[in-house]
Amino acid sequence: MSDTDASETSAARSTAPADATPLPGAGAPLGTLERGLYLLGLFTAETPERTLRELREESGLAKATVRRLMHTLESMGWVAHDPDHGRYSLGPRLLPCLFAMTSTSMLTNVAHPHLVQLASATTESAMLSTWAHDGALTLDLVTTPRHFKPFTSVGMVMPGLATADAQVLTAFSPETYWDARLDAFADHSAGSTTTDRDTHRALWSQIRNTGIAYDREGWKPGVCAVAAPVLDTTGCALASISVVMPSERAEDGRLEQYAQAVRDAATAVSQGISH
């Protein structure tokens, strides 16, 4: 172990707060993986956002080490960075790893009966999704006997920004995330139907006003959808609820007809998880 590593290890053990997640046992060096995991462990329900200075002071690691680790974690989606305020928070890459837990979570349990009701009322497939680093992650899916099944399954990520779910989840996220998502998909033809940032921002602002997003074959030819957000108490999207159908059944204003039912289901789930 280098002198730098030795000094960082000693500092981390001597300055980390008593109530923080314990560092590795005495005599064990702090490797890169352990350091990165320790930094992730400093994000809690009480402190969901951290600055580099706070992370350095609580971990006892060198400033350059913390900056390098956080840059790596950000580039891989494990943390998100708000450049305007210089604060980090846990990133969407964690969601797929926690899918086994989310499948039995309060969100999924509360939403499932509403998905069943929505699928019955519309005779189309109903879906619950959340954002997961590179697209909308399907948490639950209720299909119908009708001919056509969505091109997704529970646990699958639909990459890009073109799906109705991705549009809603982005529109109801903090605006500081908007440009970052556009940057992430700038080079992916399947990630968006347009590269005009102003057009995207105008669309997401409109979705915020109406509470509804439409996908008319933007993500996949032959597939249309309408989605609405499941909101937390701050008005940010925890998830989205959508109805998916083949394009031939989306004609004659059918998507617009289903919009209110989708919105009502999402509102009911939002209220259910807030109690």
C-alpha atoms as a PDB file:
ATOM      1  CA  MET A   1       0.000   0.000   0.000  1.00  0.00           C
ATOM      2  CA  SER A   2       1.342   3.460  -0.936  1.00  0.00           C
ATOM      3  CA  ASP A   3       1.996   6.215   1.614  1.00  0.00           C
ATOM      4  CA  THR A   4      -0.994   8.076   0.192  1.00  0.00           C
ATOM      5  CA  ASP A   5      -3.285   5.079   0.609  1.00  0.00           C
ATOM      6  CA  ALA A   6      -2.003   4.500   4.127  1.00  0.00           C
ATOM      7  CA  SER A   7      -2.632   8.110   5.143  1.00  0.00           C
ATOM      8  CA  GLU A   8      -6.119   8.066   3.596  1.00  0.00           C
ATOM      9  CA  THR A   9      -6.968   4.820   5.395  1.00  0.00           C
ATOM     10  CA  SER A  10      -5.784   6.152   8.716  1.00  0.00           C
ATOM     11  CA  ALA A  11      -7.684   9.395   8.241  1.00  0.00           C
ATOM     12  CA  ALA A  12     -10.872   7.600   7.277  1.00  0.00           C
ATOM     13  CA  ARG A  13     -10.793   5.460  10.415  1.00  0.00           C
ATOM     14  CA  SER A  14     -10.009   8.339  12.721  1.00  0.00           C
ATOM     15  CA  THR A  15     -12.446  10.929  11.401  1.00  0.00           C
ATOM     16  CA  ALA A  16     -15.518   8.972  10.234  1.00  0.00           C
ATOM     17  CA  PRO A  17     -18.499   9.733  12.496  1.00  0.00           C
ATOM     18  CA  ALA A  18     -19.428   7.173  15.114  1.00  0.00           C
ATOM     19  CA  ASP A  19     -22.911   6.650  13.677  1.00  0.00           C
ATOM     20  CA  ALA A  20     -21.727   6.213  10.074  1.00  0.00           C
ATOM     21  CA  THR A  21     -21.659   2.876   8.285  1.00  0.00           C
ATOM     22  CA  PRO A  22     -18.614   1.063   9.692  1.00  0.00           C
ATOM     23  CA  LEU A  23     -15.460   0.943   7.630  1.00  0.00           C
ATOM     24  CA  PRO A  24     -13.789  -2.410   6.972  1.00  0.00           C
ATOM     25  CA  GLY A  25     -12.364  -4.195   9.992  1.00  0.00           C
ATOM     26  CA  ALA A  26      -9.201  -3.069  11.704  1.00  0.00           C
ATOM     27  CA  GLY A  27      -6.068  -3.806   9.723  1.00  0.00           C
ATOM     28  CA  ALA A  28      -7.945  -4.179   6.418  1.00  0.00           C
ATOM     29  CA  PRO A  29      -6.954  -1.647   3.745  1.00  0.00           C
ATOM     30  CA  LEU A  30      -9.664   0.420   2.112  1.00  0.00           C
ATOM     31  CA  GLY A  31      -9.626  -0.610  -1.533  1.00  0.00           C
ATOM     32  CA  THR A  32     -11.239   1.403  -4.311  1.00  0.00           C
ATOM     33  CA  LEU A  33     -14.440  -0.658  -4.245  1.00  0.00           C
ATOM     34  CA  GLU A  34     -14.753  -0.332  -0.464  1.00  0.00           C
ATOM     35  CA  ARG A  35     -14.223   3.409  -0.637  1.00  0.00           C
ATOM     36  CA  GLY A  36     -16.859   3.820  -3.329  1.00  0.00           C
ATOM     37  CA  LEU A  37     -19.385   1.720  -1.411  1.00  0.00           C
ATOM     38  CA  TYR A  38     -18.654   3.629   1.774  1.00  0.00           C
ATOM     39  CA  LEU A  39     -19.365   6.932   0.010  1.00  0.00           C
ATOM     40  CA  LEU A  40     -22.673   5.528  -1.300  1.00  0.00           C
ATOM     41  CA  GLY A  41     -23.528   4.514   2.264  1.00  0.00           C
ATOM     42  CA  LEU A  42     -23.302   8.132   3.381  1.00  0.00           C
ATOM     43  CA  PHE A  43     -26.493   8.936   1.459  1.00  0.00           C
ATOM     44  CA  THR A  44     -29.433   8.288   3.757  1.00  0.00           C
ATOM     45  CA  ALA A  45     -33.078   9.298   4.133  1.00  0.00           C
ATOM     46  CA  GLU A  46     -31.924  12.050   6.489  1.00  0.00           C
ATOM     47  CA  THR A  47     -29.131  13.223   4.154  1.00  0.00           C
ATOM     48  CA  PRO A  48     -30.195  12.348   0.587  1.00  0.00           C
ATOM     49  CA  GLU A  49     -27.896  15.007  -0.910  1.00  0.00           C
ATOM     50  CA  ARG A  50     -24.204  15.626  -0.244  1.00  0.00           C
ATOM     51  CA  THR A  51     -21.516  18.022  -1.403  1.00  0.00           C
ATOM     52  CA  LEU A  52     -17.959  16.920  -2.104  1.00  0.00           C
ATOM     53  CA  ARG A  53     -16.844  18.712   1.039  1.00  0.00           C
ATOM     54  CA  GLU A  54     -19.406  16.878   3.174  1.00  0.00           C
ATOM     55  CA  LEU A  55     -18.399  13.547   1.674  1.00  0.00           C
ATOM     56  CA  ARG A  56     -14.716  14.285   2.264  1.00  0.00           C
ATOM     57  CA  GLU A  57     -15.259  15.393   5.851  1.00  0.00           C
ATOM     58  CA  GLU A  58     -17.468  12.442   6.782  1.00  0.00           C
ATOM     59  CA  SER A  59     -15.353   9.804   5.071  1.00  0.00           C
ATOM     60  CA  GLY A  60     -11.962  11.189   6.017  1.00  0.00           C
ATOM     61  CA  LEU A  61     -10.719  10.439   2.510  1.00  0.00           C
ATOM     62  CA  ALA A  62      -8.518  12.823   0.533  1.00  0.00           C
ATOM     63  CA  LYS A  63     -10.269  15.452  -1.560  1.00  0.00           C
ATOM     64  CA  ALA A  64      -8.805  14.112  -4.805  1.00  0.00           C
ATOM     65  CA  THR A  65      -9.883  10.573  -3.919  1.00  0.00           C
ATOM     66  CA  VAL A  66     -13.473  11.604  -3.189  1.00  0.00           C
ATOM     67  CA  ARG A  67     -13.659  13.671  -6.380  1.00  0.00           C
ATOM     68  CA  ARG A  68     -12.299  10.799  -8.490  1.00  0.00           C
ATOM     69  CA  LEU A  69     -14.640   8.224  -6.941  1.00  0.00           C
ATOM     70  CA  MET A  70     -17.710  10.439  -7.268  1.00  0.00           C
ATOM     71  CA  HIS A  71     -16.853  11.199 -10.901  1.00  0.00           C
ATOM     72  CA  THR A  72     -16.679   7.459 -11.597  1.00  0.00           C
ATOM     73  CA  LEU A  73     -19.928   6.769  -9.748  1.00  0.00           C
ATOM     74  CA  GLU A  74     -21.648   9.595 -11.633  1.00  0.00           C
ATOM     75  CA  SER A  75     -20.418   8.410 -15.038  1.00  0.00           C
ATOM     76  CA  MET A  76     -21.890   4.972 -14.313  1.00  0.00           C
ATOM     77  CA  GLY A  77     -25.193   6.313 -12.995  1.00  0.00           C
ATOM     78  CA  TRP A  78     -24.767   5.269  -9.360  1.00  0.00           C
ATOM     79  CA  VAL A  79     -24.991   8.903  -8.275  1.00  0.00           C
ATOM     80  CA  ALA A  80     -26.495  12.002  -9.887  1.00  0.00           C
ATOM     81  CA  HIS A  81     -24.897  15.454  -9.757  1.00  0.00           C
ATOM     82  CA  ASP A  82     -26.680  18.798  -9.623  1.00  0.00           C
ATOM     83  CA  PRO A  83     -24.076  21.204 -11.082  1.00  0.00           C
ATOM     84  CA  ASP A  84     -26.094  24.281 -10.146  1.00  0.00           C
ATOM     85  CA  HIS A  85     -25.921  23.517  -6.429  1.00  0.00           C
ATOM     86  CA  GLY A  86     -22.844  21.272  -6.374  1.00  0.00           C
ATOM     87  CA  ARG A  87     -24.710  18.436  -4.663  1.00  0.00           C
ATOM     88  CA  TYR A  88     -24.819  14.694  -5.275  1.00  0.00           C
ATOM     89  CA  SER A  89     -27.680  12.264  -4.752  1.00  0.00           C
ATOM     90  CA  LEU A  90     -28.155   8.560  -5.385  1.00  0.00           C
ATOM     91  CA  GLY A  91     -28.570   7.786  -9.078  1.00  0.00           C
ATOM     92  CA  PRO A  92     -31.034   5.743 -11.141  1.00  0.00           C
ATOM     93  CA  ARG A  93     -28.539   2.923 -11.783  1.00  0.00           C
ATOM     94  CA  LEU A  94     -29.494   1.545  -8.374  1.00  0.00           C
ATOM     95  CA  LEU A  95     -33.044   0.756  -9.476  1.00  0.00           C
ATOM     96  CA  PRO A  96     -32.430  -2.350 -11.621  1.00  0.00           C
ATOM     97  CA  CYS A  97     -30.260  -3.798  -8.833  1.00  0.00           C
ATOM     98  CA  LEU A  98     -33.133  -3.355  -6.409  1.00  0.00           C
ATOM     99  CA  PHE A  99     -35.766  -4.783  -8.753  1.00  0.00           C
ATOM    100  CA  ALA A 100     -36.291  -7.916  -6.665  1.00  0.00           C
ATOM    101  CA  MET A 101     -37.211  -5.657  -3.761  1.00  0.00           C
ATOM    102  CA  THR A 102     -39.348  -3.247  -5.769  1.00  0.00           C
ATOM    103  CA  SER A 103     -41.430  -6.123  -7.118  1.00  0.00           C
ATOM    104  CA  THR A 104     -42.864  -6.523  -3.612  1.00  0.00           C
ATOM    105  CA  SER A 105     -42.649  -2.895  -2.575  1.00  0.00           C
ATOM    106  CA  MET A 106     -45.500  -0.680  -1.426  1.00  0.00           C
ATOM    107  CA  LEU A 107     -45.504   1.065  -4.803  1.00  0.00           C
ATOM    108  CA  THR A 108     -46.051  -2.135  -6.753  1.00  0.00           C
ATOM    109  CA  ASN A 109     -48.548  -3.523  -4.269  1.00  0.00           C
ATOM    110  CA  VAL A 110     -50.593  -0.316  -4.276  1.00  0.00           C
ATOM    111  CA  ALA A 111     -50.451   0.064  -8.061  1.00  0.00           C
ATOM    112  CA  HIS A 112     -51.302  -3.491  -9.136  1.00  0.00           C
ATOM    113  CA  PRO A 113     -55.077  -3.389  -8.457  1.00  0.00           C
ATOM    114  CA  HIS A 114     -55.302  -0.105 -10.360  1.00  0.00           C
ATOM    115  CA  LEU A 115     -53.438  -1.649 -13.288  1.00  0.00           C
ATOM    116  CA  VAL A 116     -55.890  -4.547 -13.325  1.00  0.00           C
ATOM    117  CA  GLN A 117     -58.819  -2.123 -13.275  1.00  0.00           C
ATOM    118  CA  LEU A 118     -57.251   0.037 -15.982  1.00  0.00           C
ATOM    119  CA  ALA A 119     -56.571  -2.945 -18.254  1.00  0.00           C
ATOM    120  CA  SER A 120     -60.146  -4.114 -17.774  1.00  0.00           C
ATOM    121  CA  ALA A 121     -61.634  -0.688 -18.514  1.00  0.00           C
ATOM    122  CA  THR A 122     -59.555  -0.064 -21.642  1.00  0.00           C
ATOM    123  CA  THR A 123     -59.120  -3.694 -22.778  1.00  0.00           C
ATOM    124  CA  GLU A 124     -55.462  -2.794 -23.377  1.00  0.00           C
ATOM    125  CA  SER A 125     -52.249  -3.636 -21.514  1.00  0.00           C
ATOM    126  CA  ALA A 126     -51.491  -1.476 -18.456  1.00  0.00           C
ATOM    127  CA  MET A 127     -47.988  -0.917 -17.148  1.00  0.00           C
ATOM    128  CA  LEU A 128     -46.143   0.541 -14.135  1.00  0.00           C
ATOM    129  CA  SER A 129     -42.655   1.917 -14.806  1.00  0.00           C
ATOM    130  CA  THR A 130     -39.927   3.957 -13.163  1.00  0.00           C
ATOM    131  CA  TRP A 131     -36.728   5.607 -14.405  1.00  0.00           C
ATOM    132  CA  ALA A 132     -33.592   3.462 -14.405  1.00  0.00           C
ATOM    133  CA  HIS A 133     -30.497   5.224 -15.749  1.00  0.00           C
ATOM    134  CA  ASP A 134     -31.045   4.665 -19.463  1.00  0.00           C
ATOM    135  CA  GLY A 135     -34.797   4.440 -19.827  1.00  0.00           C
ATOM    136  CA  ALA A 136     -38.104   3.376 -18.281  1.00  0.00           C
ATOM    137  CA  LEU A 137     -37.903   0.184 -16.197  1.00  0.00           C
ATOM    138  CA  THR A 138     -41.053  -1.965 -16.196  1.00  0.00           C
ATOM    139  CA  LEU A 139     -42.083  -2.781 -12.612  1.00  0.00           C
ATOM    140  CA  ASP A 140     -45.449  -4.407 -13.311  1.00  0.00           C
ATOM    141  CA  LEU A 141     -47.481  -5.318 -16.376  1.00  0.00           C
ATOM    142  CA  VAL A 142     -51.099  -6.438 -16.756  1.00  0.00           C
ATOM    143  CA  THR A 143     -52.008  -7.756 -20.204  1.00  0.00           C
ATOM    144  CA  THR A 144     -55.385  -8.659 -21.706  1.00  0.00           C
ATOM    145  CA  PRO A 145     -56.577 -11.575 -23.883  1.00  0.00           C
ATOM    146  CA  ARG A 146     -56.651  -9.290 -26.921  1.00  0.00           C
ATOM    147  CA  HIS A 147     -54.252  -9.963 -29.763  1.00  0.00           C
ATOM    148  CA  PHE A 148     -51.101  -7.885 -29.074  1.00  0.00           C
ATOM    149  CA  LYS A 149     -48.656  -7.899 -26.224  1.00  0.00           C
ATOM    150  CA  PRO A 150     -46.309  -4.971 -25.431  1.00  0.00           C
ATOM    151  CA  PHE A 151     -42.676  -5.300 -26.447  1.00  0.00           C
ATOM    152  CA  THR A 152     -41.601  -5.339 -22.824  1.00  0.00           C
ATOM    153  CA  SER A 153     -41.696  -7.516 -19.715  1.00  0.00           C
ATOM    154  CA  VAL A 154     -41.341  -7.003 -15.990  1.00  0.00           C
ATOM    155  CA  GLY A 155     -37.737  -6.052 -15.208  1.00  0.00           C
ATOM    156  CA  MET A 156     -36.992  -4.845 -18.748  1.00  0.00           C
ATOM    157  CA  VAL A 157     -35.683  -1.355 -19.474  1.00  0.00           C
ATOM    158  CA  MET A 158     -37.087   0.442 -22.525  1.00  0.00           C
ATOM    159  CA  PRO A 159     -34.074   2.566 -23.490  1.00  0.00           C
ATOM    160  CA  GLY A 160     -34.304   6.189 -24.514  1.00  0.00           C
ATOM    161  CA  LEU A 161     -36.645   9.126 -24.089  1.00  0.00           C
ATOM    162  CA  ALA A 162     -39.288   8.380 -26.701  1.00  0.00           C
ATOM    163  CA  THR A 163     -41.658   6.149 -24.708  1.00  0.00           C
ATOM    164  CA  ALA A 164     -44.647   7.794 -23.051  1.00  0.00           C
ATOM    165  CA  ASP A 165     -43.347   6.554 -19.697  1.00  0.00           C
ATOM    166  CA  ALA A 166     -39.892   8.074 -20.237  1.00  0.00           C
ATOM    167  CA  GLN A 167     -41.476  11.376 -21.269  1.00  0.00           C
ATOM    168  CA  VAL A 168     -43.607  11.543 -18.118  1.00  0.00           C
ATOM    169  CA  LEU A 169     -40.786  10.437 -15.829  1.00  0.00           C
ATOM    170  CA  THR A 170     -38.495  13.088 -17.293  1.00  0.00           C
ATOM    171  CA  ALA A 171     -41.079  15.879 -17.391  1.00  0.00           C
ATOM    172  CA  PHE A 172     -41.839  15.398 -13.693  1.00  0.00           C
ATOM    173  CA  SER A 173     -38.193  15.164 -12.646  1.00  0.00           C
ATOM    174  CA  PRO A 174     -36.191  18.229 -11.539  1.00  0.00           C
ATOM    175  CA  GLU A 175     -35.377  20.395 -14.558  1.00  0.00           C
ATOM    176  CA  THR A 176     -31.676  20.128 -13.702  1.00  0.00           C
ATOM    177  CA  TYR A 177     -31.910  16.522 -14.949  1.00  0.00           C
ATOM    178  CA  TRP A 178     -33.352  17.420 -18.349  1.00  0.00           C
ATOM    179  CA  ASP A 179     -30.146  18.430 -20.118  1.00  0.00           C
ATOM    180  CA  ALA A 180     -28.265  15.501 -18.599  1.00  0.00           C
ATOM    181  CA  ARG A 181     -30.786  13.081 -20.082  1.00  0.00           C
ATOM    182  CA  LEU A 182     -30.620  14.793 -23.465  1.00  0.00           C
ATOM    183  CA  ASP A 183     -26.824  14.552 -23.344  1.00  0.00           C
ATOM    184  CA  ALA A 184     -27.005  10.854 -22.469  1.00  0.00           C
ATOM    185  CA  PHE A 185     -29.122  10.024 -25.514  1.00  0.00           C
ATOM    186  CA  ALA A 186     -27.763  12.555 -28.005  1.00  0.00           C
ATOM    187  CA  ASP A 187     -25.980   9.873 -30.024  1.00  0.00           C
ATOM    188  CA  HIS A 188     -28.707   7.226 -29.882  1.00  0.00           C
ATOM    189  CA  SER A 189     -31.152   7.290 -32.766  1.00  0.00           C
ATOM    190  CA  ALA A 190     -33.597   5.151 -30.766  1.00  0.00           C
ATOM    191  CA  GLY A 191     -33.329   7.450 -27.776  1.00  0.00           C
ATOM    192  CA  SER A 192     -35.418  10.281 -29.136  1.00  0.00           C
ATOM    193  CA  THR A 193     -37.550  11.296 -32.058  1.00  0.00           C
ATOM    194  CA  THR A 194     -35.801  14.678 -32.307  1.00  0.00           C
ATOM    195  CA  THR A 195     -32.497  16.227 -31.274  1.00  0.00           C
ATOM    196  CA  ASP A 196     -33.865  19.744 -30.770  1.00  0.00           C
ATOM    197  CA  ARG A 197     -33.380  20.610 -27.090  1.00  0.00           C
ATOM    198  CA  ASP A 198     -35.876  23.443 -27.156  1.00  0.00           C
ATOM    199  CA  THR A 199     -38.472  21.119 -28.637  1.00  0.00           C
ATOM    200  CA  HIS A 200     -37.865  18.555 -25.908  1.00  0.00           C
ATOM    201  CA  ARG A 201     -38.041  21.108 -23.127  1.00  0.00           C
ATOM    202  CA  ALA A 202     -41.242  22.581 -24.563  1.00  0.00           C
ATOM    203  CA  LEU A 203     -42.757  19.093 -24.775  1.00  0.00           C
ATOM    204  CA  TRP A 204     -41.819  18.248 -21.195  1.00  0.00           C
ATOM    205  CA  SER A 205     -43.224  21.567 -19.974  1.00  0.00           C
ATOM    206  CA  GLN A 206     -46.472  20.789 -21.801  1.00  0.00           C
ATOM    207  CA  ILE A 207     -46.582  17.329 -20.203  1.00  0.00           C
ATOM    208  CA  ARG A 208     -46.164  18.951 -16.805  1.00  0.00           C
ATOM    209  CA  ASN A 209     -49.151  21.165 -17.515  1.00  0.00           C
ATOM    210  CA  THR A 210     -51.425  18.419 -18.824  1.00  0.00           C
ATOM    211  CA  GLY A 211     -50.185  15.517 -16.709  1.00  0.00           C
ATOM    212  CA  ILE A 212     -50.266  13.264 -19.773  1.00  0.00           C
ATOM    213  CA  ALA A 213     -47.695  12.025 -22.311  1.00  0.00           C
ATOM    214  CA  TYR A 214     -48.317  10.297 -25.632  1.00  0.00           C
ATOM    215  CA  ASP A 215     -46.122   8.002 -27.698  1.00  0.00           C
ATOM    216  CA  ARG A 216     -47.362   7.601 -31.242  1.00  0.00           C
ATOM    217  CA  GLU A 217     -44.902   5.026 -32.583  1.00  0.00           C
ATOM    218  CA  GLY A 218     -41.955   7.169 -31.468  1.00  0.00           C
ATOM    219  CA  TRP A 219     -40.248   4.352 -29.568  1.00  0.00           C
ATOM    220  CA  LYS A 220     -41.235   1.388 -31.710  1.00  0.00           C
ATOM    221  CA  PRO A 221     -43.208   1.222 -34.988  1.00  0.00           C
ATOM    222  CA  GLY A 222     -46.679  -0.184 -34.509  1.00  0.00           C
ATOM    223  CA  VAL A 223     -46.849   0.611 -30.770  1.00  0.00           C
ATOM    224  CA  CYS A 224     -48.623   3.575 -29.143  1.00  0.00           C
ATOM    225  CA  ALA A 225     -49.087   4.511 -25.493  1.00  0.00           C
ATOM    226  CA  VAL A 226     -50.438   7.126 -23.119  1.00  0.00           C
ATOM    227  CA  ALA A 227     -48.881   7.681 -19.667  1.00  0.00           C
ATOM    228  CA  ALA A 228     -49.375   9.706 -16.481  1.00  0.00           C
ATOM    229  CA  PRO A 229     -47.084  10.227 -13.471  1.00  0.00           C
ATOM    230  CA  VAL A 230     -47.278   8.707 -10.012  1.00  0.00           C
ATOM    231  CA  LEU A 231     -46.090  11.613  -7.864  1.00  0.00           C
ATOM    232  CA  ASP A 232     -44.478  11.883  -4.460  1.00  0.00           C
ATOM    233  CA  THR A 233     -45.419  14.591  -1.965  1.00  0.00           C
ATOM    234  CA  THR A 234     -43.044  17.078  -3.636  1.00  0.00           C
ATOM    235  CA  GLY A 235     -44.604  16.658  -7.082  1.00  0.00           C
ATOM    236  CA  CYS A 236     -41.755  14.610  -8.559  1.00  0.00           C
ATOM    237  CA  ALA A 237     -42.423  11.377 -10.426  1.00  0.00           C
ATOM    238  CA  LEU A 238     -41.852   8.160  -8.519  1.00  0.00           C
ATOM    239  CA  ALA A 239     -43.229   6.113 -11.388  1.00  0.00           C
ATOM    240  CA  SER A 240     -45.546   6.213 -14.377  1.00  0.00           C
ATOM    241  CA  ILE A 241     -48.687   4.340 -15.336  1.00  0.00           C
ATOM    242  CA  SER A 242     -49.424   3.757 -19.000  1.00  0.00           C
ATOM    243  CA  VAL A 243     -51.763   1.986 -21.388  1.00  0.00           C
ATOM    244  CA  VAL A 244     -50.064   0.388 -24.408  1.00  0.00           C
ATOM    245  CA  MET A 245     -51.740  -0.699 -27.634  1.00  0.00           C
ATOM    246  CA  PRO A 246     -51.037  -1.410 -31.310  1.00  0.00           C
ATOM    247  CA  SER A 247     -51.132   1.635 -33.555  1.00  0.00           C
ATOM    248  CA  GLU A 248     -54.243   0.460 -35.435  1.00  0.00           C
ATOM    249  CA  ARG A 249     -56.217   0.570 -32.176  1.00  0.00           C
ATOM    250  CA  ALA A 250     -54.893   4.043 -31.329  1.00  0.00           C
ATOM    251  CA  GLU A 251     -56.721   5.742 -34.193  1.00  0.00           C
ATOM    252  CA  ASP A 252     -59.856   7.874 -33.969  1.00  0.00           C
ATOM    253  CA  GLY A 253     -58.736   9.592 -30.780  1.00  0.00           C
ATOM    254  CA  ARG A 254     -58.487   6.369 -28.762  1.00  0.00           C
ATOM    255  CA  LEU A 255     -55.330   7.492 -26.954  1.00  0.00           C
ATOM    256  CA  GLU A 256     -56.988  10.727 -25.914  1.00  0.00           C
ATOM    257  CA  GLN A 257     -60.067   8.790 -24.757  1.00  0.00           C
ATOM    258  CA  TYR A 258     -57.932   6.644 -22.465  1.00  0.00           C
ATOM    259  CA  ALA A 259     -55.952   9.605 -21.078  1.00  0.00           C
ATOM    260  CA  GLN A 260     -58.388  10.390 -18.281  1.00  0.00           C
ATOM    261  CA  ALA A 261     -58.538   6.765 -17.113  1.00  0.00           C
ATOM    262  CA  VAL A 262     -54.729   6.626 -17.046  1.00  0.00           C
ATOM    263  CA  ARG A 263     -54.544   9.933 -15.176  1.00  0.00           C
ATOM    264  CA  ASP A 264     -57.134   8.750 -12.639  1.00  0.00           C
ATOM    265  CA  ALA A 265     -55.236   5.524 -12.005  1.00  0.00           C
ATOM    266  CA  ALA A 266     -51.944   7.378 -11.505  1.00  0.00           C
ATOM    267  CA  THR A 267     -53.606   9.848  -9.135  1.00  0.00           C
ATOM    268  CA  ALA A 268     -55.111   7.010  -7.094  1.00  0.00           C
ATOM    269  CA  VAL A 269     -51.717   5.332  -6.757  1.00  0.00           C
ATOM    270  CA  SER A 270     -50.094   8.640  -5.778  1.00  0.00           C
ATOM    271  CA  GLN A 271     -52.665   9.076  -3.036  1.00  0.00           C
ATOM    272  CA  GLY A 272     -52.337   5.456  -1.951  1.00  0.00           C
ATOM    273  CA  ILE A 273     -48.596   5.600  -1.354  1.00  0.00           C
ATOM    274  CA  SER A 274     -48.744   8.970   0.415  1.00  0.00           C
ATOM    275  CA  HIS A 275     -50.841   7.604   3.287  1.00  0.00           C
END
